[in-house]
Amino acid sequence: MQKSIRVALIGATGKLGSKIVLKLLESSTISLEHAIVRPKSPLIGKPLSTFFPSCPLPLLFHANYEKMCRDSDVIIDVSHPDALSRYIPHVLRSEKALIIGATGYQSSTEKLVEEISTHIPILRAPNFSLGIPFLAKFMQICEEAFHKNAKVTIEEWHHKNKKDAPSGTALFLASKLKTSPELISHREDEIVGVHKICFESASEVIELTHKALSRDLYAEGAIKAIEFLHQKPKGLYQMADLLAIM
């Protein structure tokens, strides 16, 4: 049985990209057509099995963005902010659906993504967890119903190699508040991801916490994002749209 959604993955060998590859191999509806790595990667031209020993697909790692777009339905980028400028002209010309999971973009790039979404469907996902939109909703309820002058803090923990601080997730959560919260970032060991929102008044404290226990959580969310975005009209989407709660 032929799979219905063809996917190209940019950042296939990263911490999250590797997890997504394994989930794609298990999928009955999505096929991995291209595994994209950085242009100077030593893996270019080598079979996926050199990095994923159990991979049965006869695919080679490459960085040919024109080829990537030619026979893919959805492109998902979980690589590095620098990659966007390299592949976006090809994605625009081919009018492919795009999921951006990389973080650490400048504000000017964020505006560019919004402009591009008037031409193609884009899902912007600083975090693929479906629990984060729920956290944002609870956070908004607390802000509206709790003490209006409460001090709000967003504190986060990620693995020591994560470069952007605060993370895209912390910035996303902050953007959902009417007030400007204090942002505190920690980078420790191999922590997958913890976000704690604290509302503190003179007499009491409310804390909301989301804890990711495994990167499988993000990979599973990425698969759902692919299924959601496939054949969507042009526009800018987010993970909350999968839940219709925001």
Foldseek 3Di string as FASTA:
>chain_A
DDAAFEEAEEACQDPLNVLLVVVQQVDPRYHYDAYEYDQPDPQAPPAPCVRVVVDPDRYGYHHPLLVRLPPGQEYEYQHEPVCCVVRVVNCLVSQHEYEYQHWDDDPVVVVVVQVSLVRHAYEYEVFLALVLVVLLVVVAVCCVPPPVPWAKEKEKEAAQPDDDPPGPSSVVSQVSDPDGHHYHYYHYHHAHMKIKMWTHDPPDIDIDMDGDPDSNSRSVSVVLVSVVRRPDGRGYHYSVVSVVPD
